[in-house]
Protein backbone atom coordinates (compact mmCIF):
# COMPACT_ATOMS: atom_id res chain seq x y z
CA MET A 1 23.99 -49.92 55.95
CA ASN A 2 26.78 -49.63 53.34
CA ALA A 3 28.33 -46.04 53.27
CA LEU A 4 28.31 -46.07 49.40
CA LEU A 5 24.60 -46.90 49.25
CA ILE A 6 23.80 -44.14 51.65
CA ARG A 7 25.95 -41.72 49.54
CA VAL A 8 24.06 -42.70 46.30
CA VAL A 9 20.68 -42.33 47.99
CA CYS A 10 21.62 -38.81 49.22
CA GLY A 11 22.96 -37.83 45.75
CA VAL A 12 19.52 -39.02 44.04
CA LEU A 13 17.64 -37.18 46.81
CA PHE A 14 19.69 -34.02 46.09
CA ALA A 15 19.13 -34.41 42.42
CA ALA A 16 15.49 -34.81 42.85
CA MET A 17 15.31 -31.71 44.99
CA THR A 18 17.27 -29.65 42.49
CA LEU A 19 15.14 -30.73 39.67
CA GLY A 20 11.95 -30.05 41.67
CA ALA A 21 13.12 -26.46 42.28
CA ILE A 22 13.90 -25.99 38.67
CA VAL A 23 10.52 -27.33 37.49
CA HIS A 24 8.51 -25.68 40.25
CA PRO A 25 10.40 -22.64 41.24
CA PRO A 26 9.65 -21.34 45.00
CA GLU A 27 7.16 -18.46 45.18
CA ASN A 28 9.39 -16.32 47.27
CA LEU A 29 12.96 -15.96 48.47
CA ASN A 30 12.28 -17.37 51.86
CA GLN A 31 11.02 -20.71 50.41
CA GLY A 32 14.07 -20.93 48.32
CA LEU A 33 16.30 -20.24 51.11
CA GLY A 34 14.56 -22.89 53.23
CA MET A 35 15.26 -25.35 50.39
CA LEU A 36 18.88 -24.70 50.29
CA PHE A 37 19.94 -26.08 53.78
CA PRO A 38 18.54 -29.52 53.35
CA ALA A 39 19.82 -29.66 49.90
CA ALA A 40 23.36 -28.54 50.96
CA MET A 41 23.31 -31.24 53.71
CA LEU A 42 22.43 -33.96 51.29
CA LEU A 43 24.99 -32.77 48.77
CA ASN A 44 27.65 -32.48 51.55
CA TYR A 45 26.91 -36.10 52.76
CA ALA A 46 26.82 -37.31 49.18
CA ILE A 47 30.28 -35.92 48.28
CA LYS A 48 31.99 -36.53 51.55
CA GLY A 49 30.32 -39.56 53.04
CA PRO A 50 29.86 -40.42 56.70
CA ARG A 51 32.33 -38.97 59.01
CA ARG A 52 34.91 -41.27 60.60
CA ALA A 53 38.03 -40.81 62.45
CA LEU A 54 41.21 -40.67 60.43
CA ALA A 55 43.27 -42.08 63.11
CA PRO A 56 42.02 -45.24 65.23
CA LYS A 57 40.96 -44.59 68.67
CA LYS A 58 43.50 -45.53 71.43
CA PRO A 59 42.26 -47.54 74.41
CA ALA A 60 41.93 -45.55 77.62
CA PRO A 61 44.99 -45.84 79.90
CA ALA A 62 44.69 -48.10 82.97
CA PRO A 63 43.93 -46.15 86.13
CA ALA A 64 46.84 -45.47 88.43
CA PRO A 65 47.15 -47.88 91.43
CA ALA A 66 46.29 -46.42 94.80
CA PRO A 67 49.23 -45.45 96.87
CA ALA A 68 50.10 -48.08 99.55
CA VAL A 69 49.75 -46.94 103.10
CA SER A 70 53.15 -47.12 104.92
CA ASP A 71 51.89 -46.97 108.48
CA PRO A 72 48.87 -49.32 109.18
CA GLY A 73 48.08 -47.75 112.46
CA SER A 74 47.49 -44.20 111.02
CA SER A 75 44.01 -43.35 109.41
CA GLN A 76 43.89 -40.79 106.60
CA VAL A 77 40.89 -38.57 106.41
């Protein structure tokens, strides 16, 4: 899904939650605080957008080759 579309949807949901809290205020402080967390998450996502790395990921280095055995008659334990 397009990141811009997700940001717009989160912004609209935040606006709807804010207007709902203004029109029908919560009955007590706990309900108001309970509404702040999801509203803050929606607003944060709407402003910052999806998190992505600033630097591209580097491929993992190739594993080191196993050391060659110099004496074929000896066994390593």
